[in-house]
Amino acid sequence: MNYFEGIDPGIVEWVIIPALIFLARICDVTLGTLRIVFISKGDKVIAPLLGFLEVLIWLIAITQVMENLNNVASYLAWAGGFATGNFLGLRVEQKLALGQAVVRVITVEPADKLIEQLTGHGYRLTSVDARGTRGKVNLLFMIVKRKKLESVIDIIRNYNPQAFYSIEDVRSVSETDISSNNTKDGNKSFRKLFPLRKGK
């Protein structure tokens, strides 16, 4: 079946076919980028499904290229779609903000207020007294959902704009009981972990 019957062959060859190749490449490369992310997270369901769709779309695109080997626009569409797909794939992954991340904070100033603010918002952390090149420092470790990274960074910067922090992705954690950014809920969760006995 000729889907482009009645359309000027020149337009089909130099506009429609390259446009379809461009869109197909955007889709398959975007799916490929997301597939790699899910593989790094250890996902055994979504990653294969994305891989199936990625290869299927890729086969459709490469078929059109092979049928139009004399068409320079097809090559440009293929390359342009690949580049755009990489960009969109990264953007989509950033918007989804999948998984958790380790946040490490190093500050010279006493971290009592920072710890109080973070735990007050429901974040769990570990504090360690350490020593840097300039003397004693406070080192904080915490695991947070990537969707909440901006909130955590805002708290750190409000506490001390000069505080040094680093962020790394985590494939898996033994426990992910991370409370929402609600002060009351966070306090309840913190108290469950560290129950305080009232004096008689």
Protein backbone atom coordinates (compact mmCIF):
# COMPACT_ATOMS: atom_id res chain seq x y z
CA MET A 1 0.00 0.00 0.00
CA ASN A 2 1.29 3.42 -0.95
CA TYR A 3 0.59 5.71 1.99
CA PHE A 4 1.79 8.75 0.06
CA GLU A 5 -0.31 8.24 -3.06
CA GLY A 6 -1.34 11.53 -4.62
CA ILE A 7 1.48 13.50 -2.98
CA ASP A 8 4.28 15.01 -5.03
CA PRO A 9 7.15 12.43 -5.06
CA GLY A 10 9.68 15.21 -4.50
CA ILE A 11 7.94 16.28 -1.30
CA VAL A 12 7.74 12.67 -0.14
CA GLU A 13 11.42 12.04 -0.81
CA TRP A 14 12.88 15.27 0.54
CA VAL A 15 10.41 16.27 3.27
CA ILE A 16 8.06 13.55 4.50
CA ILE A 17 10.47 10.59 4.58
CA PRO A 18 13.29 12.57 6.30
CA ALA A 19 10.76 13.98 8.80
CA LEU A 20 9.54 10.47 9.66
CA ILE A 21 13.12 9.24 10.04
CA PHE A 22 13.90 12.22 12.28
CA LEU A 23 10.89 11.55 14.53
CA ALA A 24 11.57 7.81 14.64
CA ARG A 25 15.16 8.41 15.70
CA ILE A 26 14.06 10.82 18.41
CA CYS A 27 11.71 8.19 19.79
CA ASP A 28 14.10 5.24 19.69
CA VAL A 29 17.09 7.15 21.11
CA THR A 30 14.95 8.67 23.86
CA LEU A 31 13.69 5.20 24.77
CA GLY A 32 17.26 3.91 24.64
CA THR A 33 18.44 6.57 27.07
CA LEU A 34 15.62 5.74 29.47
CA ARG A 35 16.33 2.02 29.06
CA ILE A 36 19.92 2.53 30.16
CA VAL A 37 18.70 4.44 33.22
CA PHE A 38 16.32 1.64 34.19
CA ILE A 39 19.06 -0.95 33.64
CA SER A 40 21.34 0.99 35.99
CA LYS A 41 18.52 0.90 38.56
CA GLY A 42 18.24 -2.88 38.20
CA ASP A 43 14.71 -2.80 36.75
CA LYS A 44 13.87 -6.16 35.13
CA VAL A 45 10.46 -5.26 33.67
CA ILE A 46 10.46 -1.76 32.23
CA ALA A 47 13.97 -1.98 30.73
CA PRO A 48 13.16 -4.97 28.42
CA LEU A 49 9.88 -3.35 27.32
CA LEU A 50 11.68 -0.13 26.43
CA GLY A 51 14.32 -2.17 24.60
CA PHE A 52 11.64 -3.91 22.52
CA LEU A 53 10.04 -0.61 21.47
CA GLU A 54 13.45 0.96 20.85
CA VAL A 55 14.59 -1.77 18.44
CA LEU A 56 11.22 -1.90 16.69
CA ILE A 57 11.27 1.83 15.95
CA TRP A 58 14.94 1.64 14.98
CA LEU A 59 14.18 -1.06 12.39
CA ILE A 60 11.44 1.08 10.88
CA ALA A 61 13.80 4.06 10.65
CA ILE A 62 16.75 2.13 9.20
CA THR A 63 14.46 0.53 6.60
CA GLN A 64 13.48 3.97 5.33
CA VAL A 65 17.12 5.02 5.17
CA MET A 66 18.11 1.90 3.23
CA GLU A 67 15.29 2.51 0.76
CA ASN A 68 16.50 6.08 0.22
CA LEU A 69 20.28 5.70 0.04
CA ASN A 70 20.59 8.46 -2.54
CA ASN A 71 18.72 10.92 -0.34
CA VAL A 72 21.10 13.11 1.64
CA ALA A 73 18.20 14.48 3.69
CA SER A 74 17.64 11.00 5.14
CA TYR A 75 21.19 10.91 6.48
CA LEU A 76 20.82 14.35 8.01
CA ALA A 77 17.48 13.39 9.52
CA TRP A 78 19.04 10.24 11.01
CA ALA A 79 21.90 12.16 12.61
CA GLY A 80 19.69 15.02 13.77
CA GLY A 81 17.16 12.66 15.29
CA PHE A 82 19.92 10.82 17.14
CA ALA A 83 21.29 14.04 18.66
CA THR A 84 17.84 15.34 19.57
CA GLY A 85 16.85 11.98 21.06
CA ASN A 86 19.85 12.04 23.38
CA PHE A 87 18.94 15.52 24.57
CA LEU A 88 15.27 14.69 25.10
CA GLY A 89 16.12 11.41 26.81
CA LEU A 90 18.24 13.19 29.39
CA ARG A 91 15.59 15.86 29.90
CA VAL A 92 12.88 13.26 30.44
CA GLU A 93 15.07 11.35 32.88
CA GLN A 94 15.73 14.53 34.84
CA LYS A 95 12.02 15.30 34.99
CA LEU A 96 11.17 11.79 36.16
CA ALA A 97 13.92 11.96 38.82
CA LEU A 98 13.89 8.22 39.41
CA GLY A 99 15.52 6.51 42.36
CA GLN A 100 17.45 7.81 45.34
CA ALA A 101 20.67 9.71 45.81
CA VAL A 102 23.32 9.99 48.50
CA VAL A 103 23.91 13.53 49.73
CA ARG A 104 27.13 14.27 51.61
CA VAL A 105 27.50 17.59 53.37
CA ILE A 106 30.76 18.92 54.82
CA THR A 107 30.59 22.08 56.89
CA VAL A 108 33.04 23.77 59.23
CA GLU A 109 30.27 25.42 61.22
CA PRO A 110 28.42 23.38 63.88
CA ALA A 111 25.75 21.34 62.12
CA ASP A 112 23.21 21.20 64.97
CA LYS A 113 20.80 23.65 63.31
CA LEU A 114 21.16 21.97 59.94
CA ILE A 115 20.47 18.55 61.45
CA GLU A 116 17.44 19.96 63.25
CA GLN A 117 16.06 21.47 60.04
CA LEU A 118 16.61 18.31 57.99
CA THR A 119 15.13 15.97 60.57
CA GLY A 120 12.28 18.43 61.09
CA HIS A 121 11.39 17.99 57.41
CA GLY A 122 11.41 14.22 57.75
CA TYR A 123 14.86 13.47 56.34
CA ARG A 124 17.01 10.84 58.03
CA LEU A 125 20.74 11.33 58.24
CA THR A 126 23.97 10.30 59.90
CA SER A 127 26.34 12.84 61.40
CA VAL A 128 30.05 12.21 61.80
CA ASP A 129 32.76 14.37 63.36
CA ALA A 130 35.63 14.51 60.89
CA ARG A 131 38.81 16.42 60.24
CA GLY A 132 39.68 18.32 57.08
CA THR A 133 42.74 20.23 55.93
CA ARG A 134 41.55 23.27 57.89
CA GLY A 135 40.64 21.43 61.05
CA LYS A 136 37.47 19.94 62.51
CA VAL A 137 34.43 19.60 60.24
CA ASN A 138 30.97 18.05 60.39
CA LEU A 139 30.14 15.35 57.86
CA LEU A 140 26.52 14.46 57.16
CA PHE A 141 25.28 11.48 55.14
CA MET A 142 21.71 11.11 53.95
CA ILE A 143 19.76 9.20 51.32
CA VAL A 144 16.86 11.06 49.71
CA LYS A 145 14.58 10.57 46.76
CA ARG A 146 15.86 12.45 43.72
CA LYS A 147 12.53 14.31 43.48
CA LYS A 148 13.35 15.92 46.83
CA LEU A 149 16.96 16.88 46.07
CA GLU A 150 16.13 20.53 45.36
CA SER A 151 14.37 20.85 48.71
CA VAL A 152 17.35 19.37 50.54
CA ILE A 153 19.83 21.60 48.68
CA ASP A 154 17.72 24.67 49.52
CA ILE A 155 17.85 23.77 53.22
CA ILE A 156 21.65 23.31 53.04
CA ARG A 157 22.19 26.61 51.24
CA ASN A 158 19.92 28.51 53.61
CA TYR A 159 21.90 27.10 56.52
CA ASN A 160 25.31 27.87 55.03
CA PRO A 161 25.82 29.03 51.42
CA GLN A 162 29.50 28.02 51.73
CA ALA A 163 28.77 24.45 52.82
CA PHE A 164 30.29 21.81 50.55
CA TYR A 165 28.02 19.01 49.39
CA SER A 166 28.18 16.19 46.86
CA ILE A 167 25.44 14.03 45.31
CA GLU A 168 25.68 10.51 43.91
CA ASP A 169 23.03 8.19 42.48
CA VAL A 170 22.23 5.01 44.38
CA ARG A 171 21.19 1.78 42.71
CA SER A 172 19.43 0.35 45.76
CA VAL A 173 19.16 0.84 49.51
CA SER A 174 18.28 -1.58 52.28
CA GLU A 175 15.48 0.64 53.53
CA THR A 176 13.57 3.46 51.79
CA ASP A 177 11.27 4.63 54.54
CA ILE A 178 11.65 8.31 53.65
CA SER A 179 8.93 10.59 54.97
CA SER A 180 7.31 13.36 52.96
CA ASN A 181 8.37 16.98 53.42
CA ASN A 182 5.83 17.55 56.13
CA THR A 183 7.13 18.70 59.47
CA LYS A 184 4.59 16.88 61.61
CA ASP A 185 4.85 13.64 59.65
CA GLY A 186 8.61 13.93 59.68
CA ASN A 187 8.69 14.36 63.44
CA LYS A 188 6.45 11.31 63.88
CA SER A 189 8.69 9.22 61.67
CA PHE A 190 11.80 10.39 63.52
CA ARG A 191 10.22 9.57 66.88
CA LYS A 192 9.34 6.08 65.70
CA LEU A 193 12.98 5.48 64.87
CA PHE A 194 14.29 7.03 68.07
CA PRO A 195 11.54 6.81 70.74
CA LEU A 196 11.99 9.21 73.63
CA ARG A 197 10.91 8.12 77.09
CA LYS A 198 9.29 10.69 79.29
CA GLY A 199 10.68 11.08 82.74
CA LYS A 200 8.60 9.92 85.73
